Amino acid sequence: MKLMGANKMLWFTVIITTVTVFFGLQLSAEDIEGSSDHPILKRYEGSEIKKYDKREFDEYVLLLGEVKDAPSEPNKVKIAKSEKLEGKVTKISYELPEDRSSLEVLRNYEKELKNGGFEILFACSNKECGGRVFNHTVVPYDTMFGDNYYDQRYLAGKLSRSEGDVYASVYVIKNTTGGGRTKNYIYTQVDVIELVPMQELMVKIEADEMAKEIMASGSVSIYGIYFDFDKADIKPESEPTIAEIAKFLKEQPDMKVFVVGHTDNEGSLTYNMDLSKERAKSVVNKLIGLCT
C-alpha cells in the first residue's frame, strides 16, 4: 500500500460555524409574515418586525471593537476585535416610531440582557464605534440602517449555559438621513447566535462505496474528518470515517492515493497552505498506523 503516487488518485477532502416596562410580548399586526421575537430576547414595546432571517446553522462574525477603513486594502475594513461563531443564527430588524431615542432603546435592551444573565462584552456609540464604516459592517447596507451613523449605538453580550452558549448583538440607529414617513424613526437590529452542534446530514461513505466511486471517477470526497479550529489534531469523532478509509486501503493494497487537506479562507494563503499540509499529514500518519 502506498499513500502517495500518481496512478489512481483518491482525494480525501477534509471538511474542515427583570423585563422593563418597554418590552412587550405581543406580536404586532404589522410584523412580516412568518416572523417572531426570539424567545431569549423580546422586542422593545411598539416595535414592528420589518426583516427576519433564521438559519439552523451558519457562521457569524460578532463585532467586539471599533471598525475602521483599511487604507492599504481597498474595499476592506479593519476590525479591532471580533469573534467568529457558528450555530443557530436569528436576525431580526425592528422599526420603532420617532417618540423614543436610540439611547433609551439600547439601555432597555442592555437591562434585558443583564437580567437574563448575559455578560456585556462590548458597547459603543456614534464615532467611537467607527462611524460610517461601522454602520456598513454591522448590518449589510440596508435602506433602514444605511448611512445612519450620526446616532448609532451597539452592544454585544454572552450568556454562558451548559446546553450551549448564546451570543447577542443589538444595533440601534435613528433615521437621520432618510425622509418621508420614517424620518427620525428608530431601527433596531437584534441578532442572536446559539452555539449548537451542526446537524450531521452528510452520508457517511463506507469502504465498498469508496471503491465504486473511485472506479467510476478516479476520486472520492470523504466527509467526517474533523479538526479543531486552527489546529491539525484529528478530533475523536473522526475515528469511524478514518476506520472506513483504512478498511478500503487494506482491501486495495496496490492503490496509490493522495491525501488532500483543506482549510477555510481565514488568514493568509501561506498560513492556510501550511495548515492544510499539516492536516493531510495527520491523516496519512493515522492511516499508516491503522494499516500496518
Protein backbone atom coordinates (compact mmCIF):
# COMPACT_ATOMS: atom_id res chain seq x y z
CA MET A 1 0.00 0.00 0.00
CA LYS A 2 1.27 3.49 -0.89
CA LEU A 3 -0.20 6.72 0.33
CA MET A 4 1.31 8.97 -2.33
CA GLY A 5 1.51 8.34 -6.03
CA ALA A 6 0.37 9.25 -9.49
CA ASN A 7 -1.88 6.43 -10.69
CA LYS A 8 -5.47 6.37 -9.50
CA MET A 9 -5.93 9.26 -7.11
CA LEU A 10 -8.11 9.10 -4.00
CA TRP A 11 -8.97 12.59 -2.84
CA PHE A 12 -9.76 12.70 0.87
CA THR A 13 -11.49 16.04 1.27
CA VAL A 14 -11.15 17.10 4.90
CA ILE A 15 -14.09 19.27 5.76
CA ILE A 16 -12.66 21.47 7.80
CA THR A 17 -19.65 27.76 12.09
CA THR A 18 -36.50 41.76 35.23
CA VAL A 19 -38.18 42.73 31.84
CA THR A 20 -38.54 46.52 31.73
CA VAL A 21 -41.79 48.29 31.06
CA PHE A 22 -40.75 48.94 27.46
CA PHE A 23 -40.59 45.29 26.42
CA GLY A 24 -43.78 43.71 25.14
CA LEU A 25 -44.67 40.09 24.50
CA GLN A 26 -47.40 40.70 21.92
CA LEU A 27 -46.68 40.40 18.22
CA SER A 28 -47.54 43.41 16.11
CA ALA A 29 -50.12 43.20 13.36
CA GLU A 30 -47.52 44.86 11.13
CA ASP A 31 -44.85 42.16 11.58
CA ILE A 32 -43.83 40.48 8.35
CA GLU A 33 -45.33 37.05 7.76
CA GLY A 34 -43.51 34.15 9.42
CA SER A 35 -41.55 36.31 11.85
CA SER A 36 -41.46 36.32 15.65
CA ASP A 37 -39.39 37.61 18.54
CA HIS A 38 -36.54 35.43 19.70
CA PRO A 39 -37.60 33.67 22.95
CA ILE A 40 -34.39 34.76 24.68
CA LEU A 41 -34.64 38.45 23.78
CA LYS A 42 -38.01 40.17 23.36
CA ARG A 43 -38.74 43.35 21.46
CA TYR A 44 -38.93 46.94 22.67
CA GLU A 45 -42.59 47.86 23.07
CA GLY A 46 -44.13 49.34 19.93
CA SER A 47 -41.60 47.79 17.57
CA GLU A 48 -42.58 46.06 14.33
CA ILE A 49 -40.55 43.37 12.58
CA LYS A 50 -39.57 44.51 9.09
CA LYS A 51 -37.00 41.82 8.24
CA TYR A 52 -36.50 38.32 9.64
CA ASP A 53 -33.98 35.60 8.93
CA LYS A 54 -33.40 32.37 10.86
CA ARG A 55 -30.84 29.70 10.00
CA GLU A 56 -30.36 26.43 11.85
CA PHE A 57 -26.60 26.53 11.33
CA ASP A 58 -24.47 29.33 9.91
CA GLU A 59 -21.40 31.39 10.67
CA TYR A 60 -21.48 34.84 12.27
CA VAL A 61 -18.79 37.44 12.99
CA LEU A 62 -19.57 39.18 16.29
CA LEU A 63 -18.10 42.70 16.45
CA LEU A 64 -16.28 43.36 19.72
CA GLY A 65 -14.34 46.51 18.83
CA GLU A 66 -14.10 49.57 16.65
CA VAL A 67 -14.25 49.17 12.86
CA LYS A 68 -12.04 51.31 10.63
CA ASP A 69 -11.17 51.57 6.98
CA ALA A 70 -8.08 49.65 5.86
CA PRO A 71 -6.25 52.20 3.65
CA SER A 72 -3.76 49.66 2.37
CA GLU A 73 -6.53 47.25 1.33
CA PRO A 74 -9.25 48.92 -0.78
CA ASN A 75 -12.84 47.81 -0.07
CA LYS A 76 -11.77 46.13 3.18
CA VAL A 77 -12.13 47.14 6.82
CA LYS A 78 -10.05 46.68 9.94
CA ILE A 79 -11.93 45.31 12.95
CA ALA A 80 -10.20 45.91 16.28
CA LYS A 81 -11.67 42.74 17.78
CA SER A 82 -14.25 40.17 16.75
CA GLU A 83 -15.23 36.56 17.36
CA LYS A 84 -16.23 34.10 14.68
CA LEU A 85 -19.20 31.98 15.80
CA GLU A 86 -21.04 29.00 14.37
CA GLY A 87 -24.53 27.88 15.34
CA LYS A 88 -28.19 28.78 15.04
CA VAL A 89 -28.41 32.39 13.83
CA THR A 90 -31.54 34.57 14.11
CA LYS A 91 -31.54 38.11 12.69
CA ILE A 92 -34.47 40.48 13.32
CA SER A 93 -34.86 44.07 12.08
CA TYR A 94 -37.33 46.21 14.04
CA GLU A 95 -38.88 49.60 13.25
CA LEU A 96 -39.96 51.94 16.05
CA PRO A 97 -41.73 55.34 15.72
CA GLU A 98 -39.82 58.53 16.44
CA ASP A 99 -41.01 59.23 20.01
CA ARG A 100 -38.11 57.25 21.52
CA SER A 101 -34.37 57.85 21.46
CA SER A 102 -31.65 55.42 20.40
CA LEU A 103 -30.15 55.69 23.91
CA GLU A 104 -33.41 54.74 25.62
CA VAL A 105 -33.91 51.74 23.34
CA LEU A 106 -30.35 50.48 23.80
CA ARG A 107 -30.44 50.92 27.59
CA ASN A 108 -33.62 48.82 27.77
CA TYR A 109 -32.03 46.06 25.71
CA GLU A 110 -28.92 46.25 27.88
CA LYS A 111 -31.03 45.82 31.02
CA GLU A 112 -32.95 42.96 29.41
CA LEU A 113 -29.73 41.17 28.58
CA LYS A 114 -28.20 41.65 32.02
CA ASN A 115 -31.40 40.48 33.73
CA GLY A 116 -31.27 37.38 31.55
CA GLY A 117 -27.75 36.53 32.72
CA PHE A 118 -25.80 37.98 29.80
CA GLU A 119 -22.35 39.46 30.24
CA ILE A 120 -21.83 42.63 28.16
CA LEU A 121 -18.71 42.08 26.06
CA PHE A 122 -18.58 45.37 24.17
CA ALA A 123 -20.58 48.57 23.76
CA CYS A 124 -20.05 51.74 21.74
CA SER A 125 -21.87 54.74 20.27
CA ASN A 126 -21.54 57.10 17.33
CA LYS A 127 -17.95 57.89 16.27
CA GLU A 128 -16.36 55.62 18.88
CA CYS A 129 -17.88 52.64 17.05
CA GLY A 130 -16.17 53.70 13.85
CA GLY A 131 -18.72 55.99 12.22
CA ARG A 132 -19.88 55.17 8.71
CA VAL A 133 -17.68 52.10 8.26
CA PHE A 134 -19.12 50.51 11.42
CA ASN A 135 -22.64 51.21 10.16
CA HIS A 136 -21.90 49.44 6.88
CA THR A 137 -20.25 46.48 8.64
CA VAL A 138 -22.66 45.62 11.44
CA VAL A 139 -25.64 45.50 9.05
CA PRO A 140 -25.02 44.89 5.33
CA TYR A 141 -26.20 48.05 3.57
CA ASP A 142 -29.94 48.42 4.05
CA THR A 143 -32.28 51.35 3.48
CA MET A 144 -33.42 51.20 7.12
CA PHE A 145 -29.91 51.34 8.59
CA GLY A 146 -27.59 52.51 5.82
CA ASP A 147 -25.65 55.76 6.41
CA ASN A 148 -27.44 56.46 9.70
CA TYR A 149 -24.25 56.61 11.73
CA TYR A 150 -24.60 60.04 13.38
CA ASP A 151 -26.85 58.47 16.01
CA GLN A 152 -25.83 54.81 16.32
CA ARG A 153 -25.41 52.59 19.37
CA TYR A 154 -24.27 48.99 19.70
CA LEU A 155 -23.68 46.31 22.29
CA ALA A 156 -22.73 42.64 22.28
CA GLY A 157 -23.28 40.12 25.06
CA LYS A 158 -22.77 36.49 26.00
CA LEU A 159 -24.86 34.06 28.05
CA SER A 160 -22.95 31.03 29.33
CA ARG A 161 -25.04 27.90 29.76
CA SER A 162 -24.45 24.16 29.87
CA GLU A 163 -26.51 23.36 26.78
CA GLY A 164 -24.55 25.84 24.68
CA ASP A 165 -23.55 29.48 24.99
CA VAL A 166 -25.67 32.23 23.45
CA TYR A 167 -24.37 35.48 21.97
CA ALA A 168 -26.43 38.54 21.12
CA SER A 169 -25.78 41.84 19.37
CA VAL A 170 -28.08 44.86 19.41
CA TYR A 171 -27.60 47.75 16.99
CA VAL A 172 -29.80 50.85 17.26
CA ILE A 173 -29.88 53.84 14.90
CA LYS A 174 -32.01 56.95 14.36
CA ASN A 175 -33.02 57.54 10.76
CA THR A 176 -31.44 60.99 10.31
CA THR A 177 -30.65 60.69 6.58
CA GLY A 178 -33.91 59.34 5.14
CA GLY A 179 -37.01 61.43 4.57
CA GLY A 180 -40.71 60.78 4.33
CA ARG A 181 -42.77 58.80 6.83
CA THR A 182 -39.80 57.20 8.57
CA LYS A 183 -37.75 60.37 9.12
CA ASN A 184 -36.29 60.15 12.69
CA TYR A 185 -37.70 56.66 13.23
CA ILE A 186 -35.64 54.25 15.34
CA TYR A 187 -34.40 50.99 13.78
CA THR A 188 -33.02 48.12 15.83
CA GLN A 189 -31.13 45.07 14.60
CA VAL A 190 -31.22 42.15 17.05
CA ASP A 191 -29.03 39.15 16.22
CA VAL A 192 -28.97 36.04 18.43
CA ILE A 193 -26.43 33.27 17.90
CA GLU A 194 -26.91 29.98 19.74
CA LEU A 195 -23.85 27.73 19.75
CA VAL A 196 -25.37 24.39 18.84
CA PRO A 197 -23.68 21.47 17.06
CA MET A 198 -24.23 21.26 13.34
CA GLN A 199 -26.65 18.55 12.28
CA GLU A 200 -24.54 15.90 10.58
CA LEU A 201 -26.54 15.30 7.43
CA MET A 202 -23.74 14.13 5.15
CA VAL A 203 -23.98 10.46 4.26
CA LYS A 204 -21.08 8.52 5.74
CA ILE A 205 -19.36 6.65 2.95
CA GLU A 206 -18.23 3.06 3.54
CA ALA A 207 -15.28 1.17 2.11
CA ASP A 208 -17.16 -0.58 -0.70
CA GLU A 209 -18.80 2.70 -1.74
CA MET A 210 -15.36 4.34 -1.88
CA ALA A 211 -14.19 1.63 -4.25
CA LYS A 212 -17.20 2.05 -6.55
CA GLU A 213 -16.80 5.82 -6.78
CA ILE A 214 -13.05 5.63 -7.39
CA MET A 215 -13.50 3.10 -10.16
CA ALA A 216 -16.15 5.35 -11.74
CA SER A 217 -14.47 8.76 -11.44
CA GLY A 218 -10.93 8.26 -10.12
CA SER A 219 -11.53 10.21 -6.90
CA VAL A 220 -13.84 10.45 -3.92
CA SER A 221 -14.58 13.15 -1.33
CA ILE A 222 -14.72 11.93 2.25
CA TYR A 223 -16.74 13.76 4.90
CA GLY A 224 -16.48 13.15 8.61
CA ILE A 225 -12.85 14.03 9.40
CA TYR A 226 -12.79 16.92 11.87
CA PHE A 227 -10.17 19.25 13.32
CA ASP A 228 -10.34 21.93 15.98
CA PHE A 229 -10.17 25.46 14.62
CA ASP A 230 -6.64 26.42 13.55
CA LYS A 231 -5.18 23.01 14.51
CA ALA A 232 -4.03 19.83 12.78
CA ASP A 233 -5.01 17.39 15.54
CA ILE A 234 -7.69 14.94 14.43
CA LYS A 235 -10.79 15.02 16.66
CA PRO A 236 -12.05 11.74 18.22
CA GLU A 237 -15.36 11.87 16.32
CA SER A 238 -13.37 11.31 13.12
CA GLU A 239 -12.50 7.72 14.09
CA PRO A 240 -15.37 5.92 12.27
CA THR A 241 -14.63 7.65 8.98
CA ILE A 242 -10.89 7.04 9.18
CA ALA A 243 -11.53 3.39 10.04
CA GLU A 244 -13.55 3.01 6.81
CA ILE A 245 -10.72 4.58 4.81
CA ALA A 246 -8.22 2.20 6.40
CA LYS A 247 -10.50 -0.74 5.60
CA PHE A 248 -10.66 0.35 1.98
CA LEU A 249 -6.87 0.71 1.74
CA LYS A 250 -6.31 -2.75 3.22
CA GLU A 251 -8.63 -4.18 0.59
CA GLN A 252 -6.73 -2.31 -2.13
CA PRO A 253 -3.04 -2.80 -1.22
CA ASP A 254 -1.79 -1.65 -4.63
CA MET A 255 -3.84 1.56 -4.67
CA LYS A 256 -1.83 4.78 -4.79
CA VAL A 257 -3.61 7.75 -3.28
CA PHE A 258 -3.20 11.43 -2.49
CA VAL A 259 -4.49 12.82 0.80
CA VAL A 260 -5.51 16.47 0.44
CA GLY A 261 -6.39 18.78 3.33
CA HIS A 262 -8.46 21.96 3.13
CA THR A 263 -8.99 24.96 5.41
CA ASP A 264 -11.31 27.96 5.39
CA ASN A 265 -10.21 31.32 3.96
CA GLU A 266 -9.35 32.97 7.28
CA GLY A 267 -5.71 34.04 7.41
CA SER A 268 -3.03 34.34 4.76
CA LEU A 269 -2.61 31.97 1.82
CA THR A 270 0.80 30.80 3.05
CA TYR A 271 -0.52 30.06 6.53
CA ASN A 272 -3.50 28.12 5.21
CA MET A 273 -1.33 26.13 2.81
CA ASP A 274 0.90 25.08 5.70
CA LEU A 275 -2.10 24.18 7.87
CA SER A 276 -3.64 22.14 5.02
CA LYS A 277 -0.40 20.17 4.64
CA GLU A 278 -0.22 19.51 8.38
CA ARG A 279 -3.81 18.24 8.41
CA ALA A 280 -3.17 15.96 5.45
CA LYS A 281 -0.04 14.68 7.17
CA SER A 282 -2.05 13.91 10.34
CA VAL A 283 -4.49 11.81 8.29
CA VAL A 284 -1.65 9.99 6.49
CA ASN A 285 0.07 9.15 9.79
CA LYS A 286 -3.19 7.91 11.27
CA LEU A 287 -3.85 5.69 8.26
CA ILE A 288 -0.33 4.27 8.29
CA GLY A 289 -0.82 3.32 11.93
CA LEU A 290 -4.08 1.53 11.14
CA CYS A 291 -2.88 -0.20 8.00
CA THR A 292 0.46 -1.57 9.20
